[in-house]
Amino acid sequence: QVVLLLIALLAILWLGSGIYRVQPG
């Protein structure tokens, strides 16, 4: 269960790496 949880966490982090922020200008 820990391994599966770790894999799921890594998948979430990988998907979340696509979030970016554009500053004014």
mmCIF file of all heavy atoms, coordinates in Angstrom:
data_MODEL
# 
_entry.id   MODEL 
# 
loop_
_atom_site.group_PDB 
_atom_site.id 
_atom_site.type_symbol 
_atom_site.label_atom_id 
_atom_site.label_alt_id 
_atom_site.label_comp_id 
_atom_site.label_asym_id 
_atom_site.label_entity_id 
_atom_site.label_seq_id 
_atom_site.pdbx_PDB_ins_code 
_atom_site.Cartn_x 
_atom_site.Cartn_y 
_atom_site.Cartn_z 
_atom_site.occupancy 
_atom_site.B_iso_or_equiv 
_atom_site.pdbx_formal_charge 
_atom_site.auth_seq_id 
_atom_site.auth_comp_id 
_atom_site.auth_asym_id 
_atom_site.auth_atom_id 
_atom_site.pdbx_PDB_model_num 
ATOM 1   N N   . GLN A 1 1  ? 0.828  -1.212 0.000   1.00 0.00 ? 1  GLN A N   1 
ATOM 2   C CA  . GLN A 1 1  ? 0.000  0.000  0.000   1.00 0.00 ? 1  GLN A CA  1 
ATOM 3   C C   . GLN A 1 1  ? 0.857  1.256  0.000   1.00 0.00 ? 1  GLN A C   1 
ATOM 4   O O   . GLN A 1 1  ? 0.526  2.250  -0.648  1.00 0.00 ? 1  GLN A O   1 
ATOM 5   C CB  . GLN A 1 1  ? -0.942 -0.014 1.206   1.00 0.00 ? 1  GLN A CB  1 
ATOM 6   C CG  . GLN A 1 1  ? -1.958 -1.146 1.178   1.00 0.00 ? 1  GLN A CG  1 
ATOM 7   C CD  . GLN A 1 1  ? -2.849 -1.132 2.392   1.00 0.00 ? 1  GLN A CD  1 
ATOM 8   O OE1 . GLN A 1 1  ? -2.645 -0.323 3.300   1.00 0.00 ? 1  GLN A OE1 1 
ATOM 9   N NE2 . GLN A 1 1  ? -3.832 -2.050 2.418   1.00 0.00 ? 1  GLN A NE2 1 
ATOM 10  N N   . VAL A 1 2  ? 1.975  1.200  0.686   1.00 0.00 ? 2  VAL A N   1 
ATOM 11  C CA  . VAL A 1 2  ? 2.896  2.351  0.701   1.00 0.00 ? 2  VAL A CA  1 
ATOM 12  C C   . VAL A 1 2  ? 3.471  2.575  -0.683  1.00 0.00 ? 2  VAL A C   1 
ATOM 13  O O   . VAL A 1 2  ? 3.596  3.720  -1.167  1.00 0.00 ? 2  VAL A O   1 
ATOM 14  C CB  . VAL A 1 2  ? 4.009  2.117  1.736   1.00 0.00 ? 2  VAL A CB  1 
ATOM 15  C CG1 . VAL A 1 2  ? 5.002  3.276  1.718   1.00 0.00 ? 2  VAL A CG1 1 
ATOM 16  C CG2 . VAL A 1 2  ? 3.413  1.954  3.126   1.00 0.00 ? 2  VAL A CG2 1 
ATOM 17  N N   . VAL A 1 3  ? 3.804  1.485  -1.364  1.00 0.00 ? 3  VAL A N   1 
ATOM 18  C CA  . VAL A 1 3  ? 4.364  1.612  -2.714  1.00 0.00 ? 3  VAL A CA  1 
ATOM 19  C C   . VAL A 1 3  ? 3.330  2.212  -3.656  1.00 0.00 ? 3  VAL A C   1 
ATOM 20  O O   . VAL A 1 3  ? 3.628  3.121  -4.446  1.00 0.00 ? 3  VAL A O   1 
ATOM 21  C CB  . VAL A 1 3  ? 4.844  0.233  -3.203  1.00 0.00 ? 3  VAL A CB  1 
ATOM 22  C CG1 . VAL A 1 3  ? 5.310  0.329  -4.663  1.00 0.00 ? 3  VAL A CG1 1 
ATOM 23  C CG2 . VAL A 1 3  ? 5.968  -0.278 -2.321  1.00 0.00 ? 3  VAL A CG2 1 
ATOM 24  N N   . LEU A 1 4  ? 2.108  1.699  -3.570  1.00 0.00 ? 4  LEU A N   1 
ATOM 25  C CA  . LEU A 1 4  ? 1.065  2.252  -4.429  1.00 0.00 ? 4  LEU A CA  1 
ATOM 26  C C   . LEU A 1 4  ? 0.798  3.728  -4.123  1.00 0.00 ? 4  LEU A C   1 
ATOM 27  O O   . LEU A 1 4  ? 0.584  4.545  -5.024  1.00 0.00 ? 4  LEU A O   1 
ATOM 28  C CB  . LEU A 1 4  ? -0.218 1.443  -4.255  1.00 0.00 ? 4  LEU A CB  1 
ATOM 29  C CG  . LEU A 1 4  ? -0.178 -0.004 -4.757  1.00 0.00 ? 4  LEU A CG  1 
ATOM 30  C CD1 . LEU A 1 4  ? -1.490 -0.718 -4.441  1.00 0.00 ? 4  LEU A CD1 1 
ATOM 31  C CD2 . LEU A 1 4  ? 0.092  -0.048 -6.250  1.00 0.00 ? 4  LEU A CD2 1 
ATOM 32  N N   . LEU A 1 5  ? 0.800  4.052  -2.837  1.00 0.00 ? 5  LEU A N   1 
ATOM 33  C CA  . LEU A 1 5  ? 0.606  5.448  -2.453  1.00 0.00 ? 5  LEU A CA  1 
ATOM 34  C C   . LEU A 1 5  ? 1.720  6.330  -2.986  1.00 0.00 ? 5  LEU A C   1 
ATOM 35  O O   . LEU A 1 5  ? 1.498  7.452  -3.457  1.00 0.00 ? 5  LEU A O   1 
ATOM 36  C CB  . LEU A 1 5  ? 0.512  5.560  -0.932  1.00 0.00 ? 5  LEU A CB  1 
ATOM 37  C CG  . LEU A 1 5  ? 0.268  6.974  -0.367  1.00 0.00 ? 5  LEU A CG  1 
ATOM 38  C CD1 . LEU A 1 5  ? -1.061 7.525  -0.901  1.00 0.00 ? 5  LEU A CD1 1 
ATOM 39  C CD2 . LEU A 1 5  ? 0.288  6.950  1.141   1.00 0.00 ? 5  LEU A CD2 1 
ATOM 40  N N   . LEU A 1 6  ? 2.944  5.827  -2.932  1.00 0.00 ? 6  LEU A N   1 
ATOM 41  C CA  . LEU A 1 6  ? 4.087  6.587  -3.451  1.00 0.00 ? 6  LEU A CA  1 
ATOM 42  C C   . LEU A 1 6  ? 3.970  6.795  -4.955  1.00 0.00 ? 6  LEU A C   1 
ATOM 43  O O   . LEU A 1 6  ? 4.239  7.890  -5.477  1.00 0.00 ? 6  LEU A O   1 
ATOM 44  C CB  . LEU A 1 6  ? 5.380  5.850  -3.102  1.00 0.00 ? 6  LEU A CB  1 
ATOM 45  C CG  . LEU A 1 6  ? 6.685  6.538  -3.549  1.00 0.00 ? 6  LEU A CG  1 
ATOM 46  C CD1 . LEU A 1 6  ? 6.806  7.918  -2.912  1.00 0.00 ? 6  LEU A CD1 1 
ATOM 47  C CD2 . LEU A 1 6  ? 7.882  5.678  -3.180  1.00 0.00 ? 6  LEU A CD2 1 
ATOM 48  N N   . ILE A 1 7  ? 3.557  5.742  -5.651  1.00 0.00 ? 7  ILE A N   1 
ATOM 49  C CA  . ILE A 1 7  ? 3.386  5.865  -7.105  1.00 0.00 ? 7  ILE A CA  1 
ATOM 50  C C   . ILE A 1 7  ? 2.295  6.885  -7.428  1.00 0.00 ? 7  ILE A C   1 
ATOM 51  O O   . ILE A 1 7  ? 2.430  7.730  -8.327  1.00 0.00 ? 7  ILE A O   1 
ATOM 52  C CB  . ILE A 1 7  ? 3.063  4.492  -7.716  1.00 0.00 ? 7  ILE A CB  1 
ATOM 53  C CG1 . ILE A 1 7  ? 4.270  3.553  -7.565  1.00 0.00 ? 7  ILE A CG1 1 
ATOM 54  C CG2 . ILE A 1 7  ? 2.688  4.629  -9.184  1.00 0.00 ? 7  ILE A CG2 1 
ATOM 55  C CD1 . ILE A 1 7  ? 3.991  2.133  -8.000  1.00 0.00 ? 7  ILE A CD1 1 
ATOM 56  N N   . ALA A 1 8  ? 1.184  6.855  -6.689  1.00 0.00 ? 8  ALA A N   1 
ATOM 57  C CA  . ALA A 1 8  ? 0.099  7.809  -6.918  1.00 0.00 ? 8  ALA A CA  1 
ATOM 58  C C   . ALA A 1 8  ? 0.542  9.241  -6.638  1.00 0.00 ? 8  ALA A C   1 
ATOM 59  O O   . ALA A 1 8  ? 0.204  10.179 -7.376  1.00 0.00 ? 8  ALA A O   1 
ATOM 60  C CB  . ALA A 1 8  ? -1.097 7.444  -6.044  1.00 0.00 ? 8  ALA A CB  1 
ATOM 61  N N   . LEU A 1 9  ? 1.353  9.405  -5.569  1.00 0.00 ? 9  LEU A N   1 
ATOM 62  C CA  . LEU A 1 9  ? 1.853  10.733 -5.241  1.00 0.00 ? 9  LEU A CA  1 
ATOM 63  C C   . LEU A 1 9  ? 2.764  11.268 -6.335  1.00 0.00 ? 9  LEU A C   1 
ATOM 64  O O   . LEU A 1 9  ? 2.675  12.448 -6.733  1.00 0.00 ? 9  LEU A O   1 
ATOM 65  C CB  . LEU A 1 9  ? 2.591  10.690 -3.892  1.00 0.00 ? 9  LEU A CB  1 
ATOM 66  C CG  . LEU A 1 9  ? 3.160  12.023 -3.394  1.00 0.00 ? 9  LEU A CG  1 
ATOM 67  C CD1 . LEU A 1 9  ? 2.040  13.053 -3.222  1.00 0.00 ? 9  LEU A CD1 1 
ATOM 68  C CD2 . LEU A 1 9  ? 3.916  11.815 -2.088  1.00 0.00 ? 9  LEU A CD2 1 
ATOM 69  N N   . LEU A 1 10 ? 3.629  10.392 -6.838  1.00 0.00 ? 10 LEU A N   1 
ATOM 70  C CA  . LEU A 1 10 ? 4.516  10.816 -7.925  1.00 0.00 ? 10 LEU A CA  1 
ATOM 71  C C   . LEU A 1 10 ? 3.712  11.176 -9.174  1.00 0.00 ? 10 LEU A C   1 
ATOM 72  O O   . LEU A 1 10 ? 4.044  12.148 -9.881  1.00 0.00 ? 10 LEU A O   1 
ATOM 73  C CB  . LEU A 1 10 ? 5.518  9.705  -8.241  1.00 0.00 ? 10 LEU A CB  1 
ATOM 74  C CG  . LEU A 1 10 ? 6.573  9.418  -7.164  1.00 0.00 ? 10 LEU A CG  1 
ATOM 75  C CD1 . LEU A 1 10 ? 7.443  8.243  -7.558  1.00 0.00 ? 10 LEU A CD1 1 
ATOM 76  C CD2 . LEU A 1 10 ? 7.429  10.658 -6.907  1.00 0.00 ? 10 LEU A CD2 1 
ATOM 77  N N   . ALA A 1 11 ? 2.636  10.424 -9.438  1.00 0.00 ? 11 ALA A N   1 
ATOM 78  C CA  . ALA A 1 11 ? 1.803  10.739 -10.600 1.00 0.00 ? 11 ALA A CA  1 
ATOM 79  C C   . ALA A 1 11 ? 1.122  12.090 -10.433 1.00 0.00 ? 11 ALA A C   1 
ATOM 80  O O   . ALA A 1 11 ? 1.020  12.886 -11.386 1.00 0.00 ? 11 ALA A O   1 
ATOM 81  C CB  . ALA A 1 11 ? 0.768  9.637  -10.800 1.00 0.00 ? 11 ALA A CB  1 
ATOM 82  N N   . ILE A 1 12 ? 0.657  12.383 -9.206  1.00 0.00 ? 12 ILE A N   1 
ATOM 83  C CA  . ILE A 1 12 ? 0.018  13.687 -8.956  1.00 0.00 ? 12 ILE A CA  1 
ATOM 84  C C   . ILE A 1 12 ? 1.014  14.827 -9.133  1.00 0.00 ? 12 ILE A C   1 
ATOM 85  O O   . ILE A 1 12 ? 0.710  15.860 -9.735  1.00 0.00 ? 12 ILE A O   1 
ATOM 86  C CB  . ILE A 1 12 ? -0.613 13.700 -7.555  1.00 0.00 ? 12 ILE A CB  1 
ATOM 87  C CG1 . ILE A 1 12 ? -1.787 12.715 -7.486  1.00 0.00 ? 12 ILE A CG1 1 
ATOM 88  C CG2 . ILE A 1 12 ? -1.087 15.097 -7.189  1.00 0.00 ? 12 ILE A CG2 1 
ATOM 89  C CD1 . ILE A 1 12 ? -2.368 12.545 -6.102  1.00 0.00 ? 12 ILE A CD1 1 
ATOM 90  N N   . LEU A 1 13 ? 2.210  14.623 -8.599  1.00 0.00 ? 13 LEU A N   1 
ATOM 91  C CA  . LEU A 1 13 ? 3.238  15.662 -8.747  1.00 0.00 ? 13 LEU A CA  1 
ATOM 92  C C   . LEU A 1 13 ? 3.598  15.853 -10.208 1.00 0.00 ? 13 LEU A C   1 
ATOM 93  O O   . LEU A 1 13 ? 3.824  16.987 -10.662 1.00 0.00 ? 13 LEU A O   1 
ATOM 94  C CB  . LEU A 1 13 ? 4.483  15.283 -7.929  1.00 0.00 ? 13 LEU A CB  1 
ATOM 95  C CG  . LEU A 1 13 ? 4.318  15.300 -6.410  1.00 0.00 ? 13 LEU A CG  1 
ATOM 96  C CD1 . LEU A 1 13 ? 5.599  14.830 -5.739  1.00 0.00 ? 13 LEU A CD1 1 
ATOM 97  C CD2 . LEU A 1 13 ? 3.948  16.701 -5.924  1.00 0.00 ? 13 LEU A CD2 1 
ATOM 98  N N   . TRP A 1 14 ? 3.662  14.788 -10.952 1.00 0.00 ? 14 TRP A N   1 
ATOM 99  C CA  . TRP A 1 14 ? 4.001  14.891 -12.378 1.00 0.00 ? 14 TRP A CA  1 
ATOM 100 C C   . TRP A 1 14 ? 2.909  15.645 -13.142 1.00 0.00 ? 14 TRP A C   1 
ATOM 101 O O   . TRP A 1 14 ? 3.200  16.509 -13.960 1.00 0.00 ? 14 TRP A O   1 
ATOM 102 C CB  . TRP A 1 14 ? 4.193  13.490 -12.946 1.00 0.00 ? 14 TRP A CB  1 
ATOM 103 C CG  . TRP A 1 14 ? 4.554  13.491 -14.406 1.00 0.00 ? 14 TRP A CG  1 
ATOM 104 C CD1 . TRP A 1 14 ? 5.710  13.902 -14.977 1.00 0.00 ? 14 TRP A CD1 1 
ATOM 105 C CD2 . TRP A 1 14 ? 3.712  13.056 -15.484 1.00 0.00 ? 14 TRP A CD2 1 
ATOM 106 N NE1 . TRP A 1 14 ? 5.679  13.751 -16.326 1.00 0.00 ? 14 TRP A NE1 1 
ATOM 107 C CE2 . TRP A 1 14 ? 4.438  13.232 -16.683 1.00 0.00 ? 14 TRP A CE2 1 
ATOM 108 C CE3 . TRP A 1 14 ? 2.429  12.524 -15.547 1.00 0.00 ? 14 TRP A CE3 1 
ATOM 109 C CZ2 . TRP A 1 14 ? 3.935  12.897 -17.926 1.00 0.00 ? 14 TRP A CZ2 1 
ATOM 110 C CZ3 . TRP A 1 14 ? 1.917  12.190 -16.795 1.00 0.00 ? 14 TRP A CZ3 1 
ATOM 111 C CH2 . TRP A 1 14 ? 2.656  12.377 -17.966 1.00 0.00 ? 14 TRP A CH2 1 
ATOM 112 N N   . LEU A 1 15 ? 1.651  15.327 -12.845 1.00 0.00 ? 15 LEU A N   1 
ATOM 113 C CA  . LEU A 1 15 ? 0.561  16.052 -13.495 1.00 0.00 ? 15 LEU A CA  1 
ATOM 114 C C   . LEU A 1 15 ? 0.507  17.509 -13.046 1.00 0.00 ? 15 LEU A C   1 
ATOM 115 O O   . LEU A 1 15 ? 0.199  18.406 -13.826 1.00 0.00 ? 15 LEU A O   1 
ATOM 116 C CB  . LEU A 1 15 ? -0.770 15.354 -13.196 1.00 0.00 ? 15 LEU A CB  1 
ATOM 117 C CG  . LEU A 1 15 ? -0.958 13.963 -13.806 1.00 0.00 ? 15 LEU A CG  1 
ATOM 118 C CD1 . LEU A 1 15 ? -2.257 13.343 -13.307 1.00 0.00 ? 15 LEU A CD1 1 
ATOM 119 C CD2 . LEU A 1 15 ? -0.953 14.040 -15.325 1.00 0.00 ? 15 LEU A CD2 1 
ATOM 120 N N   . GLY A 1 16 ? 0.807  17.745 -11.769 1.00 0.00 ? 16 GLY A N   1 
ATOM 121 C CA  . GLY A 1 16 ? 0.789  19.120 -11.260 1.00 0.00 ? 16 GLY A CA  1 
ATOM 122 C C   . GLY A 1 16 ? 1.933  19.971 -11.769 1.00 0.00 ? 16 GLY A C   1 
ATOM 123 O O   . GLY A 1 16 ? 1.887  21.203 -11.663 1.00 0.00 ? 16 GLY A O   1 
ATOM 124 N N   . SER A 1 17 ? 2.984  19.348 -12.308 1.00 0.00 ? 17 SER A N   1 
ATOM 125 C CA  . SER A 1 17 ? 4.104  20.142 -12.829 1.00 0.00 ? 17 SER A CA  1 
ATOM 126 C C   . SER A 1 17 ? 3.718  20.950 -14.062 1.00 0.00 ? 17 SER A C   1 
ATOM 127 O O   . SER A 1 17 ? 4.474  21.823 -14.492 1.00 0.00 ? 17 SER A O   1 
ATOM 128 C CB  . SER A 1 17 ? 5.273  19.216 -13.165 1.00 0.00 ? 17 SER A CB  1 
ATOM 129 O OG  . SER A 1 17 ? 4.915  18.304 -14.206 1.00 0.00 ? 17 SER A OG  1 
ATOM 130 N N   . GLY A 1 18 ? 2.547  20.661 -14.640 1.00 0.00 ? 18 GLY A N   1 
ATOM 131 C CA  . GLY A 1 18 ? 2.109  21.432 -15.807 1.00 0.00 ? 18 GLY A CA  1 
ATOM 132 C C   . GLY A 1 18 ? 1.463  22.752 -15.453 1.00 0.00 ? 18 GLY A C   1 
ATOM 133 O O   . GLY A 1 18 ? 1.129  23.536 -16.351 1.00 0.00 ? 18 GLY A O   1 
ATOM 134 N N   . ILE A 1 19 ? 1.272  23.057 -14.189 1.00 0.00 ? 19 ILE A N   1 
ATOM 135 C CA  . ILE A 1 19 ? 0.688  24.337 -13.780 1.00 0.00 ? 19 ILE A CA  1 
ATOM 136 C C   . ILE A 1 19 ? 1.774  25.416 -13.821 1.00 0.00 ? 19 ILE A C   1 
ATOM 137 O O   . ILE A 1 19 ? 2.880  25.219 -13.315 1.00 0.00 ? 19 ILE A O   1 
ATOM 138 C CB  . ILE A 1 19 ? 0.084  24.236 -12.375 1.00 0.00 ? 19 ILE A CB  1 
ATOM 139 C CG1 . ILE A 1 19 ? -1.022 23.171 -12.341 1.00 0.00 ? 19 ILE A CG1 1 
ATOM 140 C CG2 . ILE A 1 19 ? -0.476 25.588 -11.936 1.00 0.00 ? 19 ILE A CG2 1 
ATOM 141 C CD1 . ILE A 1 19 ? -1.570 22.920 -10.963 1.00 0.00 ? 19 ILE A CD1 1 
ATOM 142 N N   . TYR A 1 20 ? 1.466  26.542 -14.434 1.00 0.00 ? 20 TYR A N   1 
ATOM 143 C CA  . TYR A 1 20 ? 2.414  27.655 -14.506 1.00 0.00 ? 20 TYR A CA  1 
ATOM 144 C C   . TYR A 1 20 ? 1.650  28.959 -14.287 1.00 0.00 ? 20 TYR A C   1 
ATOM 145 O O   . TYR A 1 20 ? 0.429  29.015 -14.389 1.00 0.00 ? 20 TYR A O   1 
ATOM 146 C CB  . TYR A 1 20 ? 3.143  27.668 -15.850 1.00 0.00 ? 20 TYR A CB  1 
ATOM 147 C CG  . TYR A 1 20 ? 2.244  27.892 -17.039 1.00 0.00 ? 20 TYR A CG  1 
ATOM 148 C CD1 . TYR A 1 20 ? 1.998  29.172 -17.525 1.00 0.00 ? 20 TYR A CD1 1 
ATOM 149 C CD2 . TYR A 1 20 ? 1.629  26.812 -17.674 1.00 0.00 ? 20 TYR A CD2 1 
ATOM 150 C CE1 . TYR A 1 20 ? 1.171  29.371 -18.602 1.00 0.00 ? 20 TYR A CE1 1 
ATOM 151 C CE2 . TYR A 1 20 ? 0.794  27.004 -18.751 1.00 0.00 ? 20 TYR A CE2 1 
ATOM 152 C CZ  . TYR A 1 20 ? 0.567  28.293 -19.228 1.00 0.00 ? 20 TYR A CZ  1 
ATOM 153 O OH  . TYR A 1 20 ? -0.256 28.496 -20.291 1.00 0.00 ? 20 TYR A OH  1 
ATOM 154 N N   . ARG A 1 21 ? 2.411  30.015 -14.028 1.00 0.00 ? 21 ARG A N   1 
ATOM 155 C CA  . ARG A 1 21 ? 1.824  31.342 -13.755 1.00 0.00 ? 21 ARG A CA  1 
ATOM 156 C C   . ARG A 1 21 ? 2.488  32.363 -14.669 1.00 0.00 ? 21 ARG A C   1 
ATOM 157 O O   . ARG A 1 21 ? 3.716  32.412 -14.758 1.00 0.00 ? 21 ARG A O   1 
ATOM 158 C CB  . ARG A 1 21 ? 2.001  31.725 -12.292 1.00 0.00 ? 21 ARG A CB  1 
ATOM 159 C CG  . ARG A 1 21 ? 1.400  33.091 -11.949 1.00 0.00 ? 21 ARG A CG  1 
ATOM 160 C CD  . ARG A 1 21 ? 1.604  33.429 -10.491 1.00 0.00 ? 21 ARG A CD  1 
ATOM 161 N NE  . ARG A 1 21 ? 1.034  34.719 -10.149 1.00 0.00 ? 21 ARG A NE  1 
ATOM 162 C CZ  . ARG A 1 21 ? -0.228 34.920 -9.825  1.00 0.00 ? 21 ARG A CZ  1 
ATOM 163 N NH1 . ARG A 1 21 ? -1.067 33.882 -9.807  1.00 0.00 ? 21 ARG A NH1 1 
ATOM 164 N NH2 . ARG A 1 21 ? -0.685 36.117 -9.528  1.00 0.00 ? 21 ARG A NH2 1 
ATOM 165 N N   . VAL A 1 22 ? 1.675  33.170 -15.318 1.00 0.00 ? 22 VAL A N   1 
ATOM 166 C CA  . VAL A 1 22 ? 2.156  34.249 -16.181 1.00 0.00 ? 22 VAL A CA  1 
ATOM 167 C C   . VAL A 1 22 ? 2.037  35.561 -15.421 1.00 0.00 ? 22 VAL A C   1 
ATOM 168 O O   . VAL A 1 22 ? 0.934  35.959 -15.019 1.00 0.00 ? 22 VAL A O   1 
ATOM 169 C CB  . VAL A 1 22 ? 1.354  34.310 -17.495 1.00 0.00 ? 22 VAL A CB  1 
ATOM 170 C CG1 . VAL A 1 22 ? 1.816  35.487 -18.354 1.00 0.00 ? 22 VAL A CG1 1 
ATOM 171 C CG2 . VAL A 1 22 ? 1.489  33.003 -18.260 1.00 0.00 ? 22 VAL A CG2 1 
ATOM 172 N N   . GLN A 1 23 ? 3.170  36.220 -15.201 1.00 0.00 ? 23 GLN A N   1 
ATOM 173 C CA  . GLN A 1 23 ? 3.191  37.489 -14.482 1.00 0.00 ? 23 GLN A CA  1 
ATOM 174 C C   . GLN A 1 23 ? 2.764  38.632 -15.414 1.00 0.00 ? 23 GLN A C   1 
ATOM 175 O O   . GLN A 1 23 ? 2.805  38.504 -16.638 1.00 0.00 ? 23 GLN A O   1 
ATOM 176 C CB  . GLN A 1 23 ? 4.602  37.768 -13.943 1.00 0.00 ? 23 GLN A CB  1 
ATOM 177 C CG  . GLN A 1 23 ? 5.117  36.725 -12.974 1.00 0.00 ? 23 GLN A CG  1 
ATOM 178 C CD  . GLN A 1 23 ? 4.342  36.732 -11.668 1.00 0.00 ? 23 GLN A CD  1 
ATOM 179 O OE1 . GLN A 1 23 ? 3.719  37.728 -11.303 1.00 0.00 ? 23 GLN A OE1 1 
ATOM 180 N NE2 . GLN A 1 23 ? 4.396  35.602 -10.954 1.00 0.00 ? 23 GLN A NE2 1 
ATOM 181 N N   . PRO A 1 24 ? 2.308  39.762 -14.839 1.00 0.00 ? 24 PRO A N   1 
ATOM 182 C CA  . PRO A 1 24 ? 1.979  40.925 -15.676 1.00 0.00 ? 24 PRO A CA  1 
ATOM 183 C C   . PRO A 1 24 ? 3.189  41.348 -16.504 1.00 0.00 ? 24 PRO A C   1 
ATOM 184 O O   . PRO A 1 24 ? 4.318  41.431 -15.997 1.00 0.00 ? 24 PRO A O   1 
ATOM 185 C CB  . PRO A 1 24 ? 1.594  42.006 -14.654 1.00 0.00 ? 24 PRO A CB  1 
ATOM 186 C CG  . PRO A 1 24 ? 1.126  41.235 -13.466 1.00 0.00 ? 24 PRO A CG  1 
ATOM 187 C CD  . PRO A 1 24 ? 1.970  39.989 -13.421 1.00 0.00 ? 24 PRO A CD  1 
ATOM 188 N N   . GLY A 1 25 ? 2.962  41.605 -17.769 1.00 0.00 ? 25 GLY A N   1 
ATOM 189 C CA  . GLY A 1 25 ? 4.045  41.976 -18.671 1.00 0.00 ? 25 GLY A CA  1 
ATOM 190 C C   . GLY A 1 25 ? 4.729  40.795 -19.326 1.00 0.00 ? 25 GLY A C   1 
ATOM 191 O O   . GLY A 1 25 ? 5.681  40.997 -20.080 1.00 0.00 ? 25 GLY A O   1 
# 
